[in-house]
Amino acid sequence: MIGESAQKGYGEYRGHLRFMGRIADQFGFGHHAQRRLNQKLKDALDPHGILSPGKQGIRPSAGGFRAVEARVRHHRRTSRAGSF
């Protein structure tokens, strides 16, 4: 349905996380210039890819979801180690 509506000129605004990559692919103007800009901003503001990985079709540059999950678990373990 995403592809059919794109062919008719309608872009999806929101969708399930599973489909966000396909939704973002609809907006391919300038060889996905908007997506590349969003990726660079995401990498600059969230270099570890912890905040909303995959949201709006933007995946963390530093590894896939498994790498992000491992970093989150490591961060949680190390941040608790020094607390009382």
Protein backbone atom coordinates (compact mmCIF):
# COMPACT_ATOMS: atom_id res chain seq x y z
CA MET A 1 0.00 0.00 0.00
CA ILE A 2 2.94 2.34 0.67
CA GLY A 3 4.23 1.93 -2.88
CA GLU A 4 0.77 2.27 -4.45
CA SER A 5 0.06 5.56 -2.69
CA ALA A 6 3.55 6.84 -3.60
CA GLN A 7 2.85 6.11 -7.27
CA LYS A 8 -0.29 8.25 -7.00
CA GLY A 9 1.70 11.09 -5.44
CA TYR A 10 0.75 10.60 -1.79
CA GLY A 11 3.41 10.24 0.84
CA GLU A 12 2.86 8.35 4.07
CA TYR A 13 3.26 10.51 7.13
CA ARG A 14 3.46 7.90 9.86
CA GLY A 15 3.64 4.20 10.16
CA HIS A 16 4.76 1.30 12.29
CA LEU A 17 8.48 1.16 13.06
CA ARG A 18 8.73 -1.91 10.82
CA PHE A 19 7.68 0.20 7.79
CA MET A 20 9.52 3.44 8.49
CA GLY A 21 12.40 2.57 6.18
CA ARG A 22 9.99 1.94 3.31
CA ILE A 23 8.12 5.15 4.10
CA ALA A 24 11.36 7.14 4.11
CA ASP A 25 12.27 5.60 0.73
CA GLN A 26 9.28 7.40 -0.81
CA PHE A 27 10.96 10.74 -0.30
CA GLY A 28 13.93 10.16 -2.60
CA PHE A 29 14.35 13.64 -4.09
CA GLY A 30 17.99 14.56 -4.66
CA HIS A 31 19.16 10.98 -4.15
CA HIS A 32 17.67 10.96 -0.64
CA ALA A 33 19.26 14.27 0.38
CA GLN A 34 16.84 14.72 3.30
CA ARG A 35 17.59 11.23 4.61
CA ARG A 36 21.35 11.81 4.40
CA LEU A 37 20.98 15.13 6.26
CA ASN A 38 18.88 13.45 8.94
CA GLN A 39 21.48 10.69 9.26
CA LYS A 40 24.29 13.21 9.74
CA LEU A 41 22.30 15.14 12.35
CA LYS A 42 21.39 11.90 14.14
CA ASP A 43 25.04 10.81 14.21
CA ALA A 44 26.14 14.21 15.53
CA LEU A 45 23.49 14.44 18.26
CA ASP A 46 23.37 10.75 19.18
CA PRO A 47 26.74 9.20 18.25
CA HIS A 48 26.00 5.95 20.10
CA GLY A 49 22.65 5.45 18.37
CA ILE A 50 20.72 5.01 21.61
CA LEU A 51 17.78 7.37 21.06
CA SER A 52 15.04 5.86 18.88
CA PRO A 53 17.14 3.69 16.55
CA GLY A 54 15.28 3.17 13.29
CA LYS A 55 12.72 5.89 13.91
CA GLN A 56 11.78 7.70 10.69
CA GLY A 57 13.94 5.25 8.75
CA ILE A 58 17.19 6.51 10.29
CA ARG A 59 19.39 3.70 11.52
CA PRO A 60 22.47 4.26 13.68
CA SER A 61 25.64 4.46 11.59
CA ALA A 62 27.72 2.70 14.23
CA GLY A 63 26.32 -0.82 13.76
CA GLY A 64 22.90 -2.36 13.57
CA PHE A 65 20.20 -2.79 16.17
CA ARG A 66 22.11 -5.58 17.92
CA ALA A 67 25.12 -3.28 18.37
CA VAL A 68 22.86 -0.55 19.73
CA GLU A 69 21.18 -2.95 22.15
CA ALA A 70 24.59 -4.11 23.38
CA ARG A 71 25.72 -0.50 23.92
CA VAL A 72 22.52 0.32 25.82
CA ARG A 73 22.97 -2.72 28.10
CA HIS A 74 26.61 -1.80 28.69
CA HIS A 75 25.69 1.81 29.47
CA ARG A 76 23.02 0.71 31.94
CA ARG A 77 25.42 -1.67 33.71
CA THR A 78 28.22 0.89 33.96
CA SER A 79 25.98 3.75 35.04
CA ARG A 80 24.56 1.66 37.91
CA ALA A 81 27.97 0.51 39.10
CA GLY A 82 28.84 3.87 40.67
CA SER A 83 25.42 4.62 42.19
CA PHE A 84 24.40 3.90 45.78
